[in-house]
């Protein structure tokens, strides 16, 4: 008896949960990219200061920042978390 009632509620709640979860997934990816962008920034600066080749690190940083920018723009289109 309670199993039927929980099924009917979970169908509507599941779709809301999916929307919220997708926003949270974007937040996790944004945090992950932000961490790597910060790490690549430190490595790039260190390579420049120590006069070592830093082009590859700088290009990696650029790619990470572009991905981060794209993810933030996509995240803005999703509904806010509640």
N, C-alpha and C. Protein backbone atom coordinates (compact mmCIF):
# COMPACT_ATOMS: atom_id res chain seq x y z
N UNK A 1 0.81 -1.18 0.00
CA UNK A 1 0.00 0.00 0.00
C UNK A 1 0.87 1.27 0.00
N UNK A 2 1.86 1.31 0.84
CA UNK A 2 2.73 2.48 0.84
C UNK A 2 3.64 2.49 -0.37
N UNK A 3 3.91 1.32 -0.94
CA UNK A 3 4.75 1.26 -2.13
C UNK A 3 4.11 1.97 -3.31
N UNK A 4 2.77 1.84 -3.47
CA UNK A 4 2.08 2.53 -4.57
C UNK A 4 2.11 4.04 -4.38
N UNK A 5 1.93 4.47 -3.15
CA UNK A 5 1.93 5.92 -2.89
C UNK A 5 3.32 6.51 -3.14
N UNK A 6 4.34 5.78 -2.76
CA UNK A 6 5.69 6.33 -2.97
C UNK A 6 6.05 6.35 -4.45
N UNK A 7 5.52 5.41 -5.22
CA UNK A 7 5.79 5.41 -6.66
C UNK A 7 5.19 6.63 -7.34
N UNK A 8 3.97 6.98 -6.96
CA UNK A 8 3.33 8.10 -7.62
C UNK A 8 4.03 9.41 -7.26
N UNK A 9 4.53 9.52 -6.05
CA UNK A 9 5.23 10.73 -5.65
C UNK A 9 6.62 10.79 -6.27
N UNK A 10 7.29 9.66 -6.40
CA UNK A 10 8.66 9.67 -6.88
C UNK A 10 8.75 10.05 -8.36
N UNK A 11 7.68 9.83 -9.13
CA UNK A 11 7.74 10.17 -10.55
C UNK A 11 7.89 11.69 -10.73
N UNK A 12 7.11 12.46 -9.99
CA UNK A 12 7.21 13.91 -10.09
C UNK A 12 8.46 14.43 -9.40
N UNK A 13 8.77 13.87 -8.25
CA UNK A 13 9.95 14.31 -7.51
C UNK A 13 11.22 13.91 -8.24
N UNK A 14 11.19 12.81 -8.96
CA UNK A 14 12.38 12.36 -9.68
C UNK A 14 12.78 13.33 -10.77
N UNK A 15 11.79 13.89 -11.47
CA UNK A 15 12.13 14.84 -12.53
C UNK A 15 12.73 16.11 -11.95
N UNK A 16 12.21 16.58 -10.81
CA UNK A 16 12.80 17.74 -10.15
C UNK A 16 14.20 17.41 -9.65
N UNK A 17 14.35 16.21 -9.13
CA UNK A 17 15.66 15.79 -8.64
C UNK A 17 16.66 15.72 -9.77
N UNK A 18 16.21 15.27 -10.94
CA UNK A 18 17.11 15.20 -12.09
C UNK A 18 17.56 16.59 -12.50
N UNK A 19 16.64 17.56 -12.50
CA UNK A 19 17.02 18.92 -12.84
C UNK A 19 18.02 19.47 -11.85
N UNK A 20 17.76 19.28 -10.57
CA UNK A 20 18.67 19.77 -9.55
C UNK A 20 20.01 19.04 -9.63
N UNK A 21 19.95 17.75 -9.85
CA UNK A 21 21.18 16.97 -9.93
C UNK A 21 22.02 17.42 -11.12
N UNK A 22 21.38 17.74 -12.24
CA UNK A 22 22.16 18.18 -13.40
C UNK A 22 22.85 19.50 -13.10
N UNK A 23 22.16 20.39 -12.38
CA UNK A 23 22.80 21.64 -11.96
C UNK A 23 23.95 21.39 -11.02
N UNK A 24 23.76 20.45 -10.11
CA UNK A 24 24.83 20.10 -9.18
C UNK A 24 26.00 19.45 -9.90
N UNK A 25 25.71 18.66 -10.93
CA UNK A 25 26.78 18.07 -11.73
C UNK A 25 27.61 19.15 -12.41
N UNK A 26 26.93 20.17 -12.90
CA UNK A 26 27.66 21.28 -13.51
C UNK A 26 28.52 21.98 -12.47
N UNK A 27 27.99 22.15 -11.27
CA UNK A 27 28.77 22.79 -10.21
C UNK A 27 30.02 21.98 -9.87
N UNK A 28 29.88 20.66 -9.86
CA UNK A 28 31.03 19.80 -9.58
C UNK A 28 32.07 19.93 -10.68
N UNK A 29 31.62 19.94 -11.93
CA UNK A 29 32.55 20.07 -13.05
C UNK A 29 33.23 21.43 -13.04
N UNK A 30 32.47 22.47 -12.70
CA UNK A 30 33.04 23.82 -12.62
C UNK A 30 34.10 23.87 -11.53
N UNK A 31 33.83 23.27 -10.39
CA UNK A 31 34.82 23.22 -9.33
C UNK A 31 36.07 22.45 -9.73
N UNK A 32 35.87 21.34 -10.42
CA UNK A 32 36.99 20.53 -10.90
C UNK A 32 37.85 21.33 -11.87
N UNK A 33 37.20 21.99 -12.82
CA UNK A 33 37.95 22.80 -13.80
C UNK A 33 38.63 23.99 -13.12
N UNK A 34 37.97 24.57 -12.13
CA UNK A 34 38.58 25.69 -11.41
C UNK A 34 39.83 25.27 -10.66
N UNK A 35 39.79 24.08 -10.06
CA UNK A 35 40.97 23.56 -9.37
C UNK A 35 42.13 23.39 -10.34
N UNK A 36 41.87 22.77 -11.48
CA UNK A 36 42.94 22.54 -12.45
C UNK A 36 43.42 23.83 -13.08
N UNK A 37 42.53 24.79 -13.25
CA UNK A 37 42.95 26.09 -13.78
C UNK A 37 43.90 26.77 -12.80
N UNK A 38 43.58 26.71 -11.52
CA UNK A 38 44.46 27.31 -10.51
C UNK A 38 45.81 26.60 -10.48
N UNK A 39 45.79 25.29 -10.54
CA UNK A 39 47.03 24.52 -10.54
C UNK A 39 47.87 24.83 -11.78
N UNK A 40 47.23 24.89 -12.93
CA UNK A 40 47.96 25.22 -14.16
C UNK A 40 48.49 26.64 -14.14
N UNK A 41 47.76 27.56 -13.52
CA UNK A 41 48.26 28.93 -13.39
C UNK A 41 49.54 28.96 -12.56
N UNK A 42 49.54 28.25 -11.45
CA UNK A 42 50.74 28.20 -10.59
C UNK A 42 51.91 27.58 -11.34
N UNK A 43 51.67 26.48 -12.03
CA UNK A 43 52.74 25.82 -12.77
C UNK A 43 53.26 26.72 -13.89
N UNK A 44 52.36 27.39 -14.61
CA UNK A 44 52.77 28.27 -15.70
C UNK A 44 53.62 29.43 -15.18
N UNK A 45 53.19 30.04 -14.09
CA UNK A 45 53.96 31.14 -13.51
C UNK A 45 55.32 30.63 -13.05
N UNK A 46 55.35 29.46 -12.42
CA UNK A 46 56.61 28.90 -11.95
C UNK A 46 57.56 28.64 -13.12
N UNK A 47 57.02 28.09 -14.20
CA UNK A 47 57.86 27.80 -15.36
C UNK A 47 58.39 29.10 -15.98
N UNK A 48 57.59 30.14 -16.00
CA UNK A 48 58.04 31.43 -16.53
C UNK A 48 59.12 32.04 -15.65
N UNK A 49 58.92 31.98 -14.34
CA UNK A 49 59.88 32.58 -13.40
C UNK A 49 61.22 31.86 -13.45
N UNK A 50 61.19 30.55 -13.62
CA UNK A 50 62.43 29.78 -13.65
C UNK A 50 63.01 29.68 -15.06
N UNK A 51 62.47 30.42 -16.01
CA UNK A 51 62.96 30.49 -17.38
C UNK A 51 62.96 29.13 -18.09
N UNK A 52 61.93 28.35 -17.84
CA UNK A 52 61.74 27.08 -18.54
C UNK A 52 60.62 27.25 -19.56
N UNK A 53 60.54 26.37 -20.55
CA UNK A 53 59.47 26.51 -21.55
C UNK A 53 58.10 26.31 -20.91
N UNK A 54 57.22 27.29 -21.13
CA UNK A 54 55.91 27.25 -20.48
C UNK A 54 54.76 27.31 -21.48
N UNK A 55 55.05 27.19 -22.77
CA UNK A 55 54.01 27.32 -23.78
C UNK A 55 52.94 26.23 -23.63
N UNK A 56 53.37 25.00 -23.43
CA UNK A 56 52.42 23.91 -23.27
C UNK A 56 51.53 24.10 -22.06
N UNK A 57 52.13 24.52 -20.96
CA UNK A 57 51.35 24.76 -19.73
C UNK A 57 50.36 25.91 -19.94
N UNK A 58 50.81 26.96 -20.64
CA UNK A 58 49.94 28.11 -20.90
C UNK A 58 48.78 27.73 -21.82
N UNK A 59 49.05 26.90 -22.82
CA UNK A 59 47.97 26.45 -23.69
C UNK A 59 46.99 25.55 -22.95
N UNK A 60 47.49 24.72 -22.05
CA UNK A 60 46.62 23.91 -21.21
C UNK A 60 45.75 24.78 -20.31
N UNK A 61 46.35 25.83 -19.77
CA UNK A 61 45.60 26.77 -18.94
C UNK A 61 44.53 27.47 -19.77
N UNK A 62 44.87 27.87 -20.99
CA UNK A 62 43.89 28.52 -21.86
C UNK A 62 42.72 27.58 -22.15
N UNK A 63 43.01 26.33 -22.47
CA UNK A 63 41.95 25.36 -22.76
C UNK A 63 41.07 25.15 -21.53
N UNK A 64 41.68 25.06 -20.36
CA UNK A 64 40.91 24.86 -19.13
C UNK A 64 40.03 26.08 -18.84
N UNK A 65 40.56 27.27 -19.04
CA UNK A 65 39.77 28.48 -18.80
C UNK A 65 38.62 28.61 -19.79
N UNK A 66 38.85 28.23 -21.04
CA UNK A 66 37.76 28.27 -22.02
C UNK A 66 36.67 27.25 -21.67
N UNK A 67 37.08 26.07 -21.23
CA UNK A 67 36.10 25.06 -20.80
C UNK A 67 35.34 25.55 -19.57
N UNK A 68 36.03 26.18 -18.65
CA UNK A 68 35.40 26.72 -17.45
C UNK A 68 34.39 27.80 -17.81
N UNK A 69 34.75 28.68 -18.72
CA UNK A 69 33.85 29.74 -19.17
C UNK A 69 32.60 29.14 -19.82
N UNK A 70 32.79 28.13 -20.66
CA UNK A 70 31.66 27.48 -21.30
C UNK A 70 30.75 26.79 -20.31
N UNK A 71 31.31 26.15 -19.30
CA UNK A 71 30.50 25.47 -18.30
C UNK A 71 29.71 26.47 -17.46
N UNK A 72 30.31 27.60 -17.13
CA UNK A 72 29.59 28.62 -16.36
C UNK A 72 28.43 29.18 -17.18
N UNK A 73 28.65 29.38 -18.47
CA UNK A 73 27.55 29.88 -19.32
C UNK A 73 26.43 28.86 -19.42
N UNK A 74 26.77 27.58 -19.55
CA UNK A 74 25.74 26.55 -19.59
C UNK A 74 25.01 26.42 -18.26
N UNK A 75 25.74 26.59 -17.16
CA UNK A 75 25.15 26.47 -15.83
C UNK A 75 24.11 27.55 -15.58
N UNK A 76 24.32 28.73 -16.14
CA UNK A 76 23.37 29.83 -15.94
C UNK A 76 22.01 29.52 -16.54
N UNK A 77 21.96 28.66 -17.54
CA UNK A 77 20.68 28.32 -18.20
C UNK A 77 19.87 27.32 -17.38
N UNK A 78 20.50 26.61 -16.48
CA UNK A 78 19.78 25.61 -15.68
C UNK A 78 19.04 26.29 -14.53
N UNK A 79 17.99 25.65 -14.03
CA UNK A 79 17.26 26.25 -12.91
C UNK A 79 18.12 26.27 -11.64
N UNK A 80 17.83 27.25 -10.78
CA UNK A 80 18.58 27.35 -9.52
C UNK A 80 18.27 26.17 -8.62
N UNK A 81 19.24 25.87 -7.76
CA UNK A 81 19.03 24.81 -6.78
C UNK A 81 18.13 25.32 -5.67
N UNK A 82 17.40 24.41 -5.04
CA UNK A 82 16.51 24.83 -3.95
C UNK A 82 16.94 24.22 -2.66
